[in-house]
């Protein structure tokens, strides 16, 4: 299954957590029944490995998946991401990690999104 998700970052994404669409629960490694989270690795646009933890709400019908702050904020800070920058998350079995994340910033001089 090939899945792709693209999002411009919000203030919440920069300071707290990164919300994923619920459809990504079918793509991510399964969350065990006794748990509410799963760890997984991704590669970025420069083939660096990152570890994220995706969690879902423990109660309620809507199991909103989010990348928890610890690994996510390390990524945000390392990349120097700001509100309005873009994240592209997709599947990538080729490089050994199942997922790839790209951080993009808009180069206003040439009006193109560039990997950072």
Protein backbone atom coordinates (compact mmCIF):
# COMPACT_ATOMS: atom_id res chain seq x y z
CA UNK A 1 0.00 0.00 0.00
CA UNK A 2 1.40 3.37 -1.00
CA UNK A 3 0.17 6.28 1.07
CA UNK A 4 1.10 9.92 1.03
CA UNK A 5 0.16 12.75 3.37
CA UNK A 6 1.12 16.40 2.91
CA UNK A 7 0.52 19.18 5.42
CA UNK A 8 1.56 22.78 6.01
CA UNK A 9 2.64 23.10 9.64
CA UNK A 10 0.53 24.89 12.23
CA UNK A 11 1.50 26.34 15.60
CA UNK A 12 0.37 23.12 17.33
CA UNK A 13 2.58 21.08 14.99
CA UNK A 14 5.62 23.22 15.84
CA UNK A 15 5.27 23.34 19.64
CA UNK A 16 3.47 20.15 20.60
CA UNK A 17 2.51 17.25 18.33
CA UNK A 18 1.75 16.38 14.73
CA UNK A 19 -1.73 15.11 13.90
CA UNK A 20 -2.09 12.42 11.25
CA UNK A 21 -5.20 11.48 9.29
CA UNK A 22 -7.03 8.50 10.78
CA UNK A 23 -6.46 6.59 7.52
CA UNK A 24 -2.76 6.31 8.50
CA UNK A 25 -3.70 3.83 11.23
CA UNK A 26 -4.02 1.27 8.41
CA UNK A 27 -0.51 2.15 7.16
CA UNK A 28 1.44 2.39 10.43
CA UNK A 29 2.60 -0.66 12.38
CA UNK A 30 -0.32 -2.06 14.38
CA UNK A 31 -1.01 -0.73 17.85
CA UNK A 32 -1.35 -3.63 20.28
CA UNK A 33 -4.70 -3.88 22.05
CA UNK A 34 -3.28 -3.27 25.53
CA UNK A 35 -1.41 -0.19 24.29
CA UNK A 36 -2.31 3.17 22.78
CA UNK A 37 0.96 3.86 20.96
CA UNK A 38 3.50 2.41 18.55
CA UNK A 39 7.11 3.39 17.77
CA UNK A 40 8.37 3.38 14.20
CA UNK A 41 11.34 4.65 12.20
CA UNK A 42 11.35 6.92 9.17
CA UNK A 43 14.04 8.27 6.88
CA UNK A 44 14.10 11.92 5.89
CA UNK A 45 14.93 13.47 2.51
CA UNK A 46 18.66 13.09 3.30
CA UNK A 47 18.44 9.44 4.45
CA UNK A 48 18.78 10.24 8.17
CA UNK A 49 16.79 7.94 10.45
CA UNK A 50 14.26 9.35 12.93
CA UNK A 51 12.14 7.52 15.49
CA UNK A 52 8.60 8.64 16.16
CA UNK A 53 5.88 7.45 18.50
CA UNK A 54 2.32 7.53 17.21
CA UNK A 55 -0.39 7.46 19.85
CA UNK A 56 -4.16 7.37 19.80
CA UNK A 57 -6.72 8.43 22.36
CA UNK A 58 -7.40 5.83 25.02
CA UNK A 59 -11.11 6.61 25.22
CA UNK A 60 -13.78 7.71 22.80
CA UNK A 61 -14.79 6.55 19.37
CA UNK A 62 -12.42 8.75 17.35
CA UNK A 63 -8.89 7.31 17.56
CA UNK A 64 -7.09 10.50 16.46
CA UNK A 65 -3.46 9.53 15.69
CA UNK A 66 -0.70 11.98 16.60
CA UNK A 67 3.09 11.89 16.58
CA UNK A 68 4.06 12.50 20.20
CA UNK A 69 6.28 15.41 21.07
CA UNK A 70 9.57 13.71 22.02
CA UNK A 71 10.72 12.42 18.62
CA UNK A 72 8.62 14.83 16.62
CA UNK A 73 9.98 17.99 18.27
CA UNK A 74 13.58 16.74 17.87
CA UNK A 75 12.86 16.54 14.14
CA UNK A 76 11.18 19.98 14.06
CA UNK A 77 14.04 21.65 15.94
CA UNK A 78 16.80 19.93 13.95
CA UNK A 79 15.19 21.00 10.68
CA UNK A 80 14.42 24.53 11.95
CA UNK A 81 10.78 24.20 10.92
CA UNK A 82 8.33 27.07 11.29
CA UNK A 83 4.59 27.58 10.82
CA UNK A 84 3.82 27.35 7.10
CA UNK A 85 6.65 24.94 6.26
CA UNK A 86 5.51 21.67 4.74
CA UNK A 87 5.75 18.01 5.74
CA UNK A 88 5.33 15.14 3.29
CA UNK A 89 4.99 11.68 4.82
CA UNK A 90 4.85 8.63 2.58
CA UNK A 91 5.68 4.97 2.44
CA UNK A 92 9.13 3.95 1.22
CA UNK A 93 10.01 0.25 1.35
CA UNK A 94 13.05 0.73 -0.88
CA UNK A 95 15.46 2.21 1.71
CA UNK A 96 14.88 -0.34 4.46
CA UNK A 97 12.61 1.92 6.50
CA UNK A 98 8.98 1.65 5.66
CA UNK A 99 8.29 5.39 5.91
CA UNK A 100 9.87 8.56 4.59
CA UNK A 101 9.33 12.08 5.90
CA UNK A 102 10.34 15.20 4.00
CA UNK A 103 10.57 18.66 5.52
CA UNK A 104 10.14 21.42 2.96
CA UNK A 105 10.66 25.17 3.13
CA UNK A 106 9.48 27.61 0.48
CA UNK A 107 12.30 29.38 -1.36
CA UNK A 108 10.61 32.68 -2.16
CA UNK A 109 13.25 33.69 -4.71
CA UNK A 110 12.41 30.81 -7.05
CA UNK A 111 8.95 29.99 -5.64
CA UNK A 112 9.85 26.31 -5.06
CA UNK A 113 9.64 24.00 -2.08
CA UNK A 114 13.10 22.75 -1.05
CA UNK A 115 14.08 19.83 1.18
CA UNK A 116 15.77 20.84 4.44
